[in-house]
N, C-alpha and C. Protein backbone atom coordinates (compact mmCIF):
# COMPACT_ATOMS: atom_id res chain seq x y z
N MET A 1 38.08 202.40 152.76
CA MET A 1 38.67 201.84 153.98
C MET A 1 39.59 200.68 153.59
N THR A 2 40.76 200.68 154.15
CA THR A 2 41.70 199.59 153.86
C THR A 2 41.66 198.56 154.98
N ARG A 3 41.95 197.35 154.61
CA ARG A 3 41.95 196.27 155.60
C ARG A 3 43.33 195.60 155.59
N GLU A 4 43.89 195.47 156.76
CA GLU A 4 45.18 194.82 156.88
C GLU A 4 44.97 193.41 157.42
N VAL A 5 45.62 192.45 156.78
CA VAL A 5 45.52 191.06 157.21
C VAL A 5 46.88 190.62 157.71
N ILE A 6 46.91 190.11 158.90
CA ILE A 6 48.15 189.64 159.50
C ILE A 6 48.04 188.15 159.74
N PHE A 7 49.02 187.40 159.28
CA PHE A 7 49.01 185.97 159.52
C PHE A 7 50.44 185.53 159.82
N SER A 8 50.57 184.37 160.42
CA SER A 8 51.89 183.84 160.73
C SER A 8 51.97 182.40 160.25
N ILE A 9 53.18 181.97 159.92
CA ILE A 9 53.42 180.61 159.47
C ILE A 9 54.38 179.95 160.46
N ASN A 10 54.00 178.79 160.94
CA ASN A 10 54.87 178.06 161.85
C ASN A 10 55.89 177.27 161.03
N LEU A 11 57.11 177.78 160.98
CA LEU A 11 58.15 177.15 160.17
C LEU A 11 58.88 176.06 160.93
N ASP A 12 58.47 175.81 162.17
CA ASP A 12 59.16 174.82 162.99
C ASP A 12 58.46 173.47 162.99
N ASP A 13 57.40 173.31 162.18
CA ASP A 13 56.68 172.05 162.23
C ASP A 13 57.15 171.06 161.16
N ASP A 14 58.24 171.38 160.45
CA ASP A 14 58.80 170.41 159.52
C ASP A 14 59.42 169.26 160.31
N PRO A 15 59.28 168.03 159.83
CA PRO A 15 59.87 166.88 160.54
C PRO A 15 61.38 167.02 160.66
N LYS A 16 61.91 166.60 161.78
CA LYS A 16 63.35 166.66 162.01
C LYS A 16 64.03 165.33 161.66
N THR A 17 63.25 164.25 161.60
CA THR A 17 63.81 162.93 161.31
C THR A 17 62.90 162.18 160.35
N PHE A 18 63.41 161.08 159.80
CA PHE A 18 62.64 160.22 158.91
C PHE A 18 61.42 159.67 159.64
N THR A 19 61.61 159.26 160.90
CA THR A 19 60.51 158.69 161.68
C THR A 19 59.41 159.72 161.90
N GLU A 20 59.79 160.96 162.21
CA GLU A 20 58.79 162.01 162.40
C GLU A 20 57.98 162.22 161.12
N ALA A 21 58.66 162.20 159.99
CA ALA A 21 57.96 162.40 158.71
C ALA A 21 56.98 161.27 158.44
N MET A 22 57.39 160.05 158.75
CA MET A 22 56.55 158.88 158.46
C MET A 22 55.41 158.70 159.45
N THR A 23 55.46 159.41 160.57
CA THR A 23 54.38 159.30 161.56
C THR A 23 53.56 160.58 161.66
N SER A 24 53.84 161.54 160.77
CA SER A 24 53.10 162.80 160.80
C SER A 24 51.80 162.67 160.02
N ARG A 25 50.93 163.66 160.15
CA ARG A 25 49.66 163.64 159.42
C ARG A 25 49.85 163.83 157.92
N ASP A 26 51.03 164.36 157.55
CA ASP A 26 51.34 164.55 156.14
C ASP A 26 52.18 163.41 155.58
N ASP A 27 52.13 162.28 156.24
CA ASP A 27 52.92 161.10 155.87
C ASP A 27 52.91 160.81 154.36
N PRO A 28 51.75 160.76 153.68
CA PRO A 28 51.76 160.45 152.23
C PRO A 28 52.53 161.48 151.40
N LEU A 29 52.45 162.75 151.79
CA LEU A 29 53.13 163.80 151.04
C LEU A 29 54.64 163.75 151.24
N TRP A 30 55.06 163.42 152.47
CA TRP A 30 56.50 163.28 152.72
C TRP A 30 57.04 162.05 152.02
N LYS A 31 56.26 160.97 151.98
CA LYS A 31 56.69 159.76 151.25
C LYS A 31 56.92 160.07 149.78
N GLU A 32 56.00 160.85 149.21
CA GLU A 32 56.13 161.23 147.81
C GLU A 32 57.39 162.07 147.58
N ALA A 33 57.67 162.99 148.52
CA ALA A 33 58.87 163.84 148.41
C ALA A 33 60.14 163.00 148.50
N ILE A 34 60.15 162.03 149.43
CA ILE A 34 61.31 161.15 149.59
C ILE A 34 61.52 160.31 148.34
N ASN A 35 60.43 159.74 147.82
CA ASN A 35 60.54 158.91 146.62
C ASN A 35 61.02 159.72 145.41
N ASP A 36 60.56 160.97 145.30
CA ASP A 36 61.01 161.83 144.21
C ASP A 36 62.52 162.06 144.29
N LYS A 37 63.01 162.32 145.50
CA LYS A 37 64.44 162.54 145.68
C LYS A 37 65.24 161.28 145.38
N MET A 38 64.77 160.14 145.88
CA MET A 38 65.48 158.88 145.64
C MET A 38 65.46 158.51 144.16
N ASP A 39 64.36 158.80 143.48
CA ASP A 39 64.29 158.54 142.03
C ASP A 39 65.35 159.36 141.29
N SER A 40 65.53 160.63 141.71
CA SER A 40 66.53 161.49 141.08
C SER A 40 67.94 160.95 141.31
N ILE A 41 68.20 160.54 142.56
CA ILE A 41 69.52 160.04 142.92
C ILE A 41 69.83 158.74 142.20
N MET A 42 68.89 157.79 142.25
CA MET A 42 69.14 156.48 141.67
C MET A 42 69.10 156.54 140.14
N GLY A 43 68.23 157.36 139.59
CA GLY A 43 68.16 157.51 138.14
C GLY A 43 69.40 158.15 137.56
N ASN A 44 70.14 158.88 138.39
CA ASN A 44 71.35 159.56 137.96
C ASN A 44 72.59 158.68 138.09
N GLY A 45 72.41 157.47 138.63
CA GLY A 45 73.56 156.58 138.82
C GLY A 45 74.52 157.09 139.87
N THR A 46 73.97 157.66 140.94
CA THR A 46 74.80 158.29 141.97
C THR A 46 75.56 157.27 142.81
N TRP A 47 75.01 156.07 142.97
CA TRP A 47 75.67 155.06 143.80
C TRP A 47 75.41 153.67 143.27
N GLU A 48 76.13 152.70 143.85
CA GLU A 48 75.91 151.30 143.52
C GLU A 48 76.00 150.49 144.81
N LEU A 49 75.28 149.37 144.84
CA LEU A 49 75.30 148.49 146.01
C LEU A 49 76.66 147.80 146.08
N ALA A 50 77.26 147.73 147.28
CA ALA A 50 78.60 147.16 147.40
C ALA A 50 78.80 146.57 148.79
N ASN A 51 79.81 145.70 148.90
CA ASN A 51 80.24 145.19 150.19
C ASN A 51 81.20 146.21 150.81
N LEU A 52 81.09 146.41 152.10
CA LEU A 52 81.97 147.35 152.78
C LEU A 52 83.34 146.71 153.00
N PRO A 53 84.42 147.30 152.48
CA PRO A 53 85.76 146.73 152.67
C PRO A 53 86.15 146.70 154.15
N LEU A 54 86.98 145.74 154.51
CA LEU A 54 87.45 145.64 155.88
C LEU A 54 88.19 146.91 156.27
N GLY A 55 87.94 147.38 157.47
CA GLY A 55 88.60 148.57 157.96
C GLY A 55 87.95 149.88 157.56
N ARG A 56 86.90 149.81 156.74
CA ARG A 56 86.20 151.02 156.32
C ARG A 56 84.89 151.16 157.09
N ARG A 57 84.48 152.42 157.29
CA ARG A 57 83.20 152.70 157.94
C ARG A 57 82.33 153.50 156.99
N PRO A 58 81.05 153.10 156.86
CA PRO A 58 80.16 153.89 155.99
C PRO A 58 79.82 155.21 156.67
N ILE A 59 79.67 156.25 155.89
CA ILE A 59 79.30 157.54 156.46
C ILE A 59 77.80 157.61 156.66
N GLY A 60 77.39 158.47 157.55
CA GLY A 60 75.97 158.62 157.83
C GLY A 60 75.33 159.67 156.95
N TYR A 61 74.07 159.89 157.16
CA TYR A 61 73.31 160.84 156.36
C TYR A 61 72.21 161.44 157.24
N LYS A 62 71.55 162.43 156.70
CA LYS A 62 70.42 163.03 157.40
C LYS A 62 69.39 163.47 156.37
N TRP A 63 68.13 163.13 156.62
CA TRP A 63 67.05 163.62 155.77
C TRP A 63 66.68 165.04 156.22
N ILE A 64 66.56 165.95 155.27
CA ILE A 64 66.12 167.32 155.54
C ILE A 64 64.74 167.50 154.90
N PHE A 65 63.77 167.88 155.70
CA PHE A 65 62.40 168.05 155.21
C PHE A 65 61.99 169.52 155.30
N LYS A 66 61.40 170.02 154.21
CA LYS A 66 60.97 171.42 154.18
C LYS A 66 59.67 171.57 153.40
N LYS A 67 58.76 172.35 153.96
CA LYS A 67 57.55 172.72 153.23
C LYS A 67 57.81 174.06 152.53
N LYS A 68 57.25 174.22 151.33
CA LYS A 68 57.34 175.47 150.59
C LYS A 68 55.98 176.16 150.65
N TYR A 69 55.99 177.46 150.97
CA TYR A 69 54.74 178.19 151.21
C TYR A 69 54.48 179.28 150.17
N HIS A 70 53.19 179.46 149.85
CA HIS A 70 52.76 180.63 149.10
C HIS A 70 52.75 181.83 150.05
N LEU A 71 52.63 183.03 149.50
CA LEU A 71 52.59 184.23 150.33
C LEU A 71 51.40 184.24 151.28
N ASP A 72 50.32 183.55 150.91
CA ASP A 72 49.15 183.53 151.78
C ASP A 72 49.25 182.48 152.89
N GLY A 73 50.38 181.78 152.95
CA GLY A 73 50.59 180.81 154.01
C GLY A 73 50.23 179.39 153.66
N SER A 74 49.66 179.17 152.49
CA SER A 74 49.29 177.81 152.08
C SER A 74 50.53 177.07 151.55
N VAL A 75 50.55 175.77 151.77
CA VAL A 75 51.69 174.95 151.34
C VAL A 75 51.51 174.55 149.88
N TYR A 76 52.57 174.72 149.09
CA TYR A 76 52.48 174.32 147.68
C TYR A 76 53.45 173.18 147.32
N ALA A 77 54.37 172.83 148.22
CA ALA A 77 55.29 171.74 147.91
C ALA A 77 55.90 171.16 149.18
N TYR A 78 56.17 169.87 149.14
CA TYR A 78 56.88 169.18 150.20
C TYR A 78 58.21 168.70 149.61
N LYS A 79 59.31 169.08 150.25
CA LYS A 79 60.63 168.75 149.71
C LYS A 79 61.43 167.91 150.71
N ALA A 80 62.13 166.92 150.19
CA ALA A 80 63.01 166.09 151.01
C ALA A 80 64.39 166.07 150.35
N ASN A 81 65.42 166.19 151.16
CA ASN A 81 66.79 166.17 150.63
C ASN A 81 67.65 165.25 151.48
N LEU A 82 68.51 164.50 150.83
CA LEU A 82 69.41 163.58 151.53
C LEU A 82 70.77 164.24 151.65
N LEU A 83 71.20 164.50 152.87
CA LEU A 83 72.43 165.24 153.13
C LEU A 83 73.45 164.33 153.80
N LEU A 84 74.65 164.24 153.23
CA LEU A 84 75.71 163.46 153.85
C LEU A 84 76.31 164.23 155.01
N ARG A 85 76.86 163.50 155.95
CA ARG A 85 77.37 164.12 157.17
C ARG A 85 78.85 164.46 157.08
N ALA A 86 79.15 165.75 156.92
CA ALA A 86 80.50 166.31 157.15
C ALA A 86 81.63 165.59 156.45
N ILE A 87 81.45 165.23 155.19
CA ILE A 87 82.57 164.62 154.47
C ILE A 87 83.51 165.71 153.97
N GLY A 88 84.81 165.53 154.22
CA GLY A 88 85.78 166.54 153.82
C GLY A 88 85.95 167.61 154.88
N ASN A 89 85.20 167.51 156.00
CA ASN A 89 85.31 168.50 157.06
C ASN A 89 86.26 168.06 158.17
N GLU A 90 86.76 166.83 158.05
CA GLU A 90 87.58 166.30 159.13
C GLU A 90 88.87 167.11 159.28
N LYS A 91 89.36 167.22 160.49
CA LYS A 91 90.60 167.94 160.76
C LYS A 91 91.74 167.27 160.01
N GLY A 92 92.52 168.05 159.30
CA GLY A 92 93.64 167.51 158.57
C GLY A 92 93.29 166.99 157.20
N SER A 93 92.05 167.10 156.79
CA SER A 93 91.64 166.61 155.47
C SER A 93 92.37 167.38 154.38
N ILE A 94 92.84 166.65 153.35
CA ILE A 94 93.56 167.29 152.26
C ILE A 94 92.76 167.23 150.96
N ILE A 95 91.46 166.96 151.05
CA ILE A 95 90.62 166.92 149.86
C ILE A 95 90.53 168.32 149.25
N ASP A 96 90.77 168.41 147.95
CA ASP A 96 90.70 169.69 147.25
C ASP A 96 89.23 170.04 147.03
N THR A 97 88.79 171.13 147.63
CA THR A 97 87.37 171.51 147.55
C THR A 97 87.16 172.84 146.84
N TYR A 98 88.23 173.46 146.34
CA TYR A 98 88.10 174.79 145.75
C TYR A 98 87.34 174.73 144.43
N ALA A 99 86.32 175.55 144.30
CA ALA A 99 85.54 175.64 143.07
C ALA A 99 85.55 177.08 142.57
N LEU A 100 85.75 177.25 141.28
CA LEU A 100 85.78 178.59 140.69
C LEU A 100 84.39 179.22 140.71
N VAL A 101 84.37 180.53 140.87
CA VAL A 101 83.12 181.30 140.86
C VAL A 101 83.33 182.51 139.95
N ALA A 102 82.35 182.78 139.11
CA ALA A 102 82.46 183.92 138.19
C ALA A 102 82.54 185.24 138.97
N ARG A 103 83.39 186.14 138.51
CA ARG A 103 83.52 187.44 139.15
C ARG A 103 82.30 188.30 138.82
N ILE A 104 81.88 189.10 139.78
CA ILE A 104 80.73 189.99 139.55
C ILE A 104 81.06 191.00 138.45
N SER A 105 82.33 191.41 138.36
CA SER A 105 82.72 192.36 137.31
C SER A 105 82.57 191.73 135.93
N SER A 106 82.81 190.42 135.83
CA SER A 106 82.66 189.72 134.55
C SER A 106 81.19 189.66 134.14
N ILE A 107 80.34 189.38 135.11
CA ILE A 107 78.90 189.31 134.84
C ILE A 107 78.37 190.67 134.38
N ARG A 108 78.82 191.73 135.05
CA ARG A 108 78.39 193.09 134.67
C ARG A 108 78.86 193.43 133.26
N ALA A 109 80.09 193.04 132.94
CA ALA A 109 80.64 193.32 131.60
C ALA A 109 79.84 192.58 130.53
N LEU A 110 79.47 191.34 130.81
CA LEU A 110 78.67 190.56 129.86
C LEU A 110 77.31 191.20 129.62
N ILE A 111 76.68 191.64 130.71
CA ILE A 111 75.37 192.28 130.59
C ILE A 111 75.47 193.55 129.74
N GLU A 112 76.55 194.30 129.95
CA GLU A 112 76.74 195.54 129.18
C GLU A 112 76.94 195.24 127.70
N ILE A 113 77.73 194.21 127.39
CA ILE A 113 77.96 193.83 125.99
C ILE A 113 76.66 193.38 125.34
N LEU A 114 75.88 192.58 126.06
CA LEU A 114 74.60 192.10 125.54
C LEU A 114 73.66 193.26 125.22
N ALA A 115 73.64 194.24 126.14
CA ALA A 115 72.76 195.39 125.95
C ALA A 115 73.21 196.26 124.78
N LEU A 116 74.51 196.50 124.67
CA LEU A 116 75.03 197.35 123.61
C LEU A 116 74.83 196.75 122.22
N LYS A 117 74.98 195.43 122.13
CA LYS A 117 74.88 194.77 120.83
C LYS A 117 73.48 194.21 120.55
N GLY A 118 72.59 194.32 121.55
CA GLY A 118 71.24 193.82 121.36
C GLY A 118 71.20 192.32 121.11
N LEU A 119 72.06 191.59 121.79
CA LEU A 119 72.15 190.15 121.59
C LEU A 119 71.05 189.40 122.32
N TYR A 120 70.68 188.26 121.77
CA TYR A 120 69.68 187.39 122.39
C TYR A 120 70.31 186.68 123.58
N THR A 121 69.58 186.58 124.66
CA THR A 121 70.08 185.89 125.85
C THR A 121 69.14 184.76 126.24
N ASP A 122 69.69 183.78 126.90
CA ASP A 122 68.89 182.67 127.39
C ASP A 122 69.51 182.18 128.69
N ARG A 123 68.80 181.36 129.40
CA ARG A 123 69.34 180.82 130.65
C ARG A 123 68.84 179.39 130.82
N MET A 124 69.50 178.67 131.70
CA MET A 124 69.10 177.29 131.96
C MET A 124 69.39 176.96 133.41
N ASP A 125 68.74 175.93 133.88
CA ASP A 125 68.94 175.46 135.25
C ASP A 125 69.22 173.96 135.20
N VAL A 126 70.24 173.52 135.91
CA VAL A 126 70.57 172.10 135.96
C VAL A 126 69.94 171.49 137.20
N LYS A 127 69.04 170.55 137.00
CA LYS A 127 68.35 169.92 138.12
C LYS A 127 69.34 169.05 138.90
N THR A 128 69.21 169.09 140.24
CA THR A 128 70.10 168.33 141.14
C THR A 128 71.57 168.49 140.70
N THR A 129 72.00 169.73 140.66
CA THR A 129 73.32 170.09 140.13
C THR A 129 74.46 169.23 140.66
N PHE A 130 74.57 169.12 141.99
CA PHE A 130 75.73 168.46 142.58
C PHE A 130 75.73 166.95 142.37
N LEU A 131 74.63 166.40 141.86
CA LEU A 131 74.60 164.96 141.60
C LEU A 131 75.28 164.60 140.29
N ASN A 132 75.81 165.60 139.59
CA ASN A 132 76.40 165.36 138.27
C ASN A 132 77.92 165.28 138.28
N GLY A 133 78.54 165.56 139.42
CA GLY A 133 80.00 165.50 139.48
C GLY A 133 80.49 164.11 139.86
N TYR A 134 81.50 163.61 139.13
CA TYR A 134 82.04 162.28 139.42
C TYR A 134 83.03 162.33 140.58
N LEU A 135 82.94 161.34 141.46
CA LEU A 135 83.82 161.27 142.62
C LEU A 135 85.17 160.69 142.26
N LYS A 136 86.22 161.21 142.87
CA LYS A 136 87.55 160.64 142.74
C LYS A 136 87.88 159.79 143.97
N GLU A 137 87.25 160.12 145.09
CA GLU A 137 87.49 159.40 146.34
C GLU A 137 86.57 158.17 146.43
N GLU A 138 86.97 157.21 147.24
CA GLU A 138 86.16 156.02 147.48
C GLU A 138 85.37 156.24 148.77
N ILE A 139 84.07 156.41 148.64
CA ILE A 139 83.22 156.74 149.79
C ILE A 139 82.04 155.78 149.85
N TYR A 140 81.76 155.29 151.05
CA TYR A 140 80.66 154.36 151.26
C TYR A 140 79.61 154.99 152.17
N LEU A 141 78.37 154.72 151.87
CA LEU A 141 77.25 155.36 152.56
C LEU A 141 76.30 154.32 153.14
N GLU A 142 75.83 154.58 154.36
CA GLU A 142 74.79 153.74 154.94
C GLU A 142 73.53 153.81 154.07
N LYS A 143 72.80 152.71 153.99
CA LYS A 143 71.56 152.73 153.21
C LYS A 143 70.52 153.57 153.93
N PRO A 144 69.88 154.50 153.23
CA PRO A 144 68.85 155.35 153.85
C PRO A 144 67.68 154.54 154.38
N GLU A 145 67.10 155.02 155.46
CA GLU A 145 65.92 154.36 156.04
C GLU A 145 64.82 154.23 154.99
N GLY A 146 64.18 153.07 155.01
CA GLY A 146 63.09 152.84 154.08
C GLY A 146 63.54 152.31 152.74
N PHE A 147 64.85 152.19 152.54
CA PHE A 147 65.36 151.73 151.25
C PHE A 147 66.37 150.59 151.41
N VAL A 148 66.17 149.78 152.46
CA VAL A 148 66.99 148.60 152.66
C VAL A 148 66.45 147.49 151.76
N ILE A 149 67.32 146.91 150.94
CA ILE A 149 66.91 145.90 149.97
C ILE A 149 66.88 144.53 150.64
N PRO A 150 65.75 143.82 150.60
CA PRO A 150 65.66 142.49 151.21
C PRO A 150 66.74 141.55 150.67
N GLY A 151 67.43 140.88 151.60
CA GLY A 151 68.50 139.98 151.21
C GLY A 151 69.85 140.67 151.06
N GLN A 152 69.85 142.01 151.11
CA GLN A 152 71.09 142.78 150.96
C GLN A 152 71.31 143.70 152.16
N GLU A 153 70.81 143.26 153.31
CA GLU A 153 70.84 144.12 154.49
C GLU A 153 72.25 144.51 154.92
N ASN A 154 73.24 143.66 154.65
CA ASN A 154 74.61 143.93 155.10
C ASN A 154 75.43 144.74 154.10
N LYS A 155 74.84 145.06 152.97
CA LYS A 155 75.56 145.83 151.96
C LYS A 155 75.38 147.33 152.20
N VAL A 156 76.24 148.11 151.59
CA VAL A 156 76.17 149.57 151.69
C VAL A 156 76.14 150.14 150.27
N PHE A 157 76.03 151.46 150.18
CA PHE A 157 76.11 152.12 148.88
C PHE A 157 77.50 152.71 148.70
N ARG A 158 78.12 152.43 147.55
CA ARG A 158 79.38 153.07 147.19
C ARG A 158 79.06 154.22 146.25
N LEU A 159 79.48 155.44 146.64
CA LEU A 159 79.17 156.62 145.84
C LEU A 159 80.00 156.64 144.57
N ILE A 160 79.33 156.91 143.46
CA ILE A 160 79.99 157.07 142.16
C ILE A 160 80.05 158.55 141.79
N LYS A 161 78.99 159.26 142.14
CA LYS A 161 78.91 160.69 141.86
C LYS A 161 78.72 161.46 143.17
N SER A 162 78.89 162.75 143.11
CA SER A 162 78.77 163.60 144.29
C SER A 162 77.35 163.60 144.83
N LEU A 163 77.24 163.94 146.09
CA LEU A 163 75.95 164.05 146.76
C LEU A 163 76.00 165.25 147.69
N TYR A 164 74.85 165.82 147.99
CA TYR A 164 74.79 166.98 148.88
C TYR A 164 75.44 166.66 150.22
N GLY A 165 76.28 167.56 150.69
CA GLY A 165 76.99 167.36 151.95
C GLY A 165 78.48 167.13 151.73
N LEU A 166 78.87 166.73 150.52
CA LEU A 166 80.29 166.57 150.21
C LEU A 166 80.90 167.95 149.95
N LYS A 167 81.96 168.26 150.67
CA LYS A 167 82.58 169.58 150.49
C LYS A 167 83.20 169.73 149.10
N GLN A 168 83.58 168.60 148.49
CA GLN A 168 84.18 168.66 147.16
C GLN A 168 83.15 168.67 146.05
N ALA A 169 81.86 168.58 146.39
CA ALA A 169 80.81 168.52 145.37
C ALA A 169 80.81 169.71 144.41
N PRO A 170 80.94 170.97 144.88
CA PRO A 170 80.96 172.10 143.94
C PRO A 170 82.12 172.01 142.95
N LYS A 171 83.30 171.62 143.44
CA LYS A 171 84.46 171.52 142.55
C LYS A 171 84.25 170.43 141.51
N GLN A 172 83.71 169.29 141.93
CA GLN A 172 83.51 168.18 141.00
C GLN A 172 82.43 168.51 139.97
N TRP A 173 81.42 169.27 140.39
CA TRP A 173 80.40 169.70 139.43
C TRP A 173 81.03 170.63 138.39
N HIS A 174 81.87 171.56 138.84
CA HIS A 174 82.51 172.49 137.90
C HIS A 174 83.40 171.74 136.91
N GLU A 175 84.12 170.73 137.39
CA GLU A 175 84.98 169.95 136.51
C GLU A 175 84.16 169.22 135.45
N ARG A 176 83.02 168.65 135.86
CA ARG A 176 82.14 167.95 134.90
C ARG A 176 81.56 168.94 133.89
N PHE A 177 81.15 170.11 134.37
CA PHE A 177 80.61 171.15 133.49
C PHE A 177 81.66 171.60 132.49
N ASP A 178 82.89 171.80 132.97
CA ASP A 178 83.98 172.28 132.12
C ASP A 178 84.27 171.28 130.99
N ILE A 179 84.31 170.01 131.33
CA ILE A 179 84.57 168.97 130.33
C ILE A 179 83.47 168.96 129.27
N THR A 180 82.23 169.10 129.72
CA THR A 180 81.09 169.08 128.81
C THR A 180 81.08 170.28 127.88
N VAL A 181 81.29 171.47 128.44
CA VAL A 181 81.24 172.70 127.65
C VAL A 181 82.39 172.78 126.64
N THR A 182 83.60 172.45 127.08
CA THR A 182 84.74 172.53 126.17
C THR A 182 84.66 171.48 125.06
N ALA A 183 83.91 170.41 125.27
CA ALA A 183 83.71 169.41 124.22
C ALA A 183 82.92 169.98 123.05
N PHE A 184 82.19 171.08 123.30
CA PHE A 184 81.42 171.75 122.25
C PHE A 184 82.18 172.97 121.70
N SER A 185 83.50 172.93 121.81
CA SER A 185 84.39 173.96 121.23
C SER A 185 84.33 175.31 121.94
N PHE A 186 83.83 175.33 123.17
CA PHE A 186 83.89 176.57 123.96
C PHE A 186 85.27 176.67 124.60
N GLN A 187 85.72 177.91 124.78
CA GLN A 187 87.02 178.16 125.39
C GLN A 187 86.87 179.06 126.61
N HIS A 188 87.86 178.96 127.53
CA HIS A 188 87.86 179.82 128.70
C HIS A 188 88.25 181.24 128.32
N ASN A 189 87.66 182.19 128.99
CA ASN A 189 88.14 183.56 128.90
C ASN A 189 89.47 183.64 129.64
N SER A 190 90.42 184.38 129.11
CA SER A 190 91.75 184.43 129.71
C SER A 190 91.78 185.15 131.05
N VAL A 191 90.77 185.97 131.32
CA VAL A 191 90.71 186.73 132.56
C VAL A 191 89.88 186.03 133.62
N ASP A 192 88.77 185.42 133.20
CA ASP A 192 87.86 184.75 134.13
C ASP A 192 87.56 183.36 133.61
N MET A 193 88.06 182.33 134.31
CA MET A 193 87.92 180.95 133.85
C MET A 193 86.48 180.43 133.91
N CYS A 194 85.57 181.19 134.52
CA CYS A 194 84.17 180.79 134.57
C CYS A 194 83.38 181.33 133.38
N ILE A 195 84.02 182.13 132.56
CA ILE A 195 83.38 182.68 131.36
C ILE A 195 83.88 181.90 130.15
N TYR A 196 82.95 181.40 129.35
CA TYR A 196 83.30 180.62 128.16
C TYR A 196 82.82 181.34 126.91
N PHE A 197 83.51 181.13 125.80
CA PHE A 197 83.08 181.73 124.54
C PHE A 197 83.41 180.78 123.40
N THR A 198 82.75 180.95 122.29
CA THR A 198 83.05 180.19 121.08
C THR A 198 82.86 181.10 119.88
N CYS A 199 83.54 180.82 118.80
CA CYS A 199 83.44 181.62 117.58
C CYS A 199 82.71 180.83 116.50
N THR A 200 81.83 181.50 115.80
CA THR A 200 81.11 180.88 114.70
C THR A 200 81.36 181.67 113.43
N SER A 201 80.88 181.15 112.30
CA SER A 201 81.10 181.83 111.02
C SER A 201 80.37 183.16 110.94
N ASN A 202 79.35 183.33 111.82
CA ASN A 202 78.58 184.58 111.81
C ASN A 202 79.11 185.60 112.80
N THR A 203 80.15 185.23 113.55
CA THR A 203 80.68 186.12 114.59
C THR A 203 81.61 187.17 114.00
């Protein structure tokens, strides 16, 4: 005899605001998630404390809270993300946001070459990817709730690197990646600029 188990997960109980997170029954877990995110941002040198120039307005932000679930419905992680509000989305904006993407045909060709030659493959993941691109624009951010520095209440954060919510973040990440990879003697493929190669004495 087989037994079927049916369960449901309420995906709408994630906090919608910082205040909701701090007043929920999972308050300690959300605090830990927020601190983890802020540690990543600050440890990466994403911003610096600054005075807001006359005539400038700091942009806003929004905390995004999400629980991660196992298949059985149990929670295995609490995640918090700091999202900037609509930068580069303004009407008439001329910020260059185009980022290259590898063609699917290029990926298929690489897989075929790897299989035919029996080459070793590896992969990697860059943590907080978009936090690694350097900004060209001058952008100021309101200080996130819970992180106002005593004695510095009137200061704001000046962004040095990209942050989630910036439309130009993907392009700036690609530019940083390109500079790093080509510094190790990798070259662009002439057909697909997202494919890099290098030659060694064993090639």
